[in-house]
Amino acid sequence: MGIVIGTNEPEVVWNAFRFGNTSLKANHEVKVFLINKGVEIEEIKDEKYNAKEQSDLFIENKGQILACGTCLESREKEGSKVCPISTMKDLLKLVEESDKVLTFG
């Protein structure tokens, strides 16, 4: 399953990763691709919708995260564990290999 996150809105990102974690626990393979403002995930600070906690759990549960390199570059950001630099070819591969793709934001 592929999940594309294109926003930095705390509640949306939190729910996207909650869904990803639920899917991993149900033995689905899940990849997340961060695009647009989604690459700003590490800057989300919200006590009610703790996106960092959910994304860390996603990584612990063996989910894979990819992040648009151009989107990171345009924000003068470098890749990281949560936002590893990826390309449109990686997004295309995610779409081609996934039985379902969900988009958030």
Protein backbone atom coordinates (compact mmCIF):
# COMPACT_ATOMS: atom_id res chain seq x y z
CA MET A 1 0.00 0.00 0.00
CA GLY A 2 1.24 3.49 -0.77
CA ILE A 3 0.42 6.61 1.22
CA VAL A 4 1.21 10.04 -0.19
CA ILE A 5 1.28 12.92 2.30
CA GLY A 6 1.32 16.43 0.83
CA THR A 7 0.56 18.61 3.85
CA ASN A 8 2.08 19.68 7.14
CA GLU A 9 -1.32 19.99 8.84
CA PRO A 10 -0.86 18.17 12.18
CA GLU A 11 -4.17 16.29 12.32
CA VAL A 12 -3.95 15.09 8.71
CA VAL A 13 -0.35 13.88 9.03
CA TRP A 14 -1.12 12.26 12.40
CA ASN A 15 -4.08 10.36 10.92
CA ALA A 16 -2.12 9.32 7.82
CA PHE A 17 0.58 7.72 9.97
CA ARG A 18 -2.00 6.21 12.34
CA PHE A 19 -3.56 4.53 9.31
CA GLY A 20 -0.12 3.42 8.13
CA ASN A 21 0.63 1.92 11.54
CA THR A 22 -2.73 0.14 11.62
CA SER A 23 -1.99 -1.29 8.17
CA LEU A 24 1.47 -2.48 9.19
CA LYS A 25 0.02 -4.22 12.25
CA ALA A 26 -2.42 -5.99 9.89
CA ASN A 27 0.62 -7.34 7.98
CA HIS A 28 0.40 -5.00 4.99
CA GLU A 29 3.54 -3.60 3.41
CA VAL A 30 3.29 0.20 3.56
CA LYS A 31 5.39 2.96 2.03
CA VAL A 32 4.85 6.67 2.64
CA PHE A 33 5.95 9.34 0.17
CA LEU A 34 6.22 12.90 1.52
CA ILE A 35 5.69 15.61 -1.08
CA ASN A 36 4.98 19.36 -1.06
CA LYS A 37 4.58 20.57 2.53
CA GLY A 38 4.63 16.95 3.67
CA VAL A 39 8.44 17.13 3.75
CA GLU A 40 8.07 19.59 6.66
CA ILE A 41 6.89 16.76 8.95
CA GLU A 42 9.80 17.12 11.38
CA GLU A 43 8.74 20.70 12.14
CA ILE A 44 5.20 19.79 13.21
CA LYS A 45 4.73 20.61 16.88
CA ASP A 46 1.28 19.77 18.18
CA GLU A 47 0.49 18.14 21.53
CA LYS A 48 -2.95 16.87 20.50
CA TYR A 49 -1.87 15.49 17.11
CA ASN A 50 1.65 14.20 17.73
CA ALA A 51 2.76 13.38 14.19
CA LYS A 52 6.34 12.74 15.30
CA GLU A 53 5.24 10.00 17.67
CA GLN A 54 3.23 8.31 14.89
CA SER A 55 5.99 8.65 12.27
CA ASP A 56 8.57 7.24 14.72
CA LEU A 57 6.24 4.30 15.42
CA PHE A 58 5.81 3.80 11.66
CA ILE A 59 9.58 3.53 11.23
CA GLU A 60 9.86 1.19 14.25
CA ASN A 61 7.15 -1.01 12.70
CA LYS A 62 9.29 -1.34 9.53
CA GLY A 63 7.32 1.10 7.39
CA GLN A 64 9.31 2.88 4.71
CA ILE A 65 9.29 6.66 4.25
CA LEU A 66 10.44 8.46 1.11
CA ALA A 67 10.59 12.22 0.62
CA CYS A 68 10.64 14.39 -2.50
CA GLY A 69 14.20 15.62 -2.92
CA THR A 70 13.15 18.66 -4.95
CA CYS A 71 10.64 19.64 -2.25
CA LEU A 72 13.35 19.33 0.41
CA GLU A 73 15.82 21.31 -1.69
CA SER A 74 13.33 24.13 -2.33
CA ARG A 75 12.98 24.47 1.46
CA GLU A 76 16.76 24.35 1.93
CA LYS A 77 16.47 21.09 3.87
CA GLU A 78 18.64 18.01 3.82
CA GLY A 79 17.47 14.43 3.92
CA SER A 80 17.05 12.66 7.26
CA LYS A 81 15.81 9.37 8.72
CA VAL A 82 12.24 10.66 8.53
CA CYS A 83 12.75 12.49 5.22
CA PRO A 84 15.18 10.45 3.11
CA ILE A 85 15.84 12.10 -0.25
CA SER A 86 13.88 10.40 -3.02
CA THR A 87 12.76 11.20 -6.56
CA MET A 88 9.69 11.18 -8.78
CA LYS A 89 10.95 7.83 -10.09
CA ASP A 90 10.65 6.50 -6.54
CA LEU A 91 7.09 7.84 -6.32
CA LEU A 92 6.25 6.23 -9.66
CA LYS A 93 7.67 2.91 -8.43
CA LEU A 94 5.59 3.20 -5.24
CA VAL A 95 2.43 3.74 -7.32
CA GLU A 96 3.26 0.91 -9.74
CA GLU A 97 4.04 -1.59 -6.97
CA SER A 98 1.15 -0.72 -4.65
CA ASP A 99 -2.24 -2.38 -4.85
CA LYS A 100 -3.74 0.81 -3.41
CA VAL A 101 -2.52 4.40 -3.05
CA LEU A 102 -4.08 6.86 -0.62
CA THR A 103 -3.36 10.57 -0.58
CA PHE A 104 -3.59 12.85 2.45
CA GLY A 105 -3.50 16.61 1.93
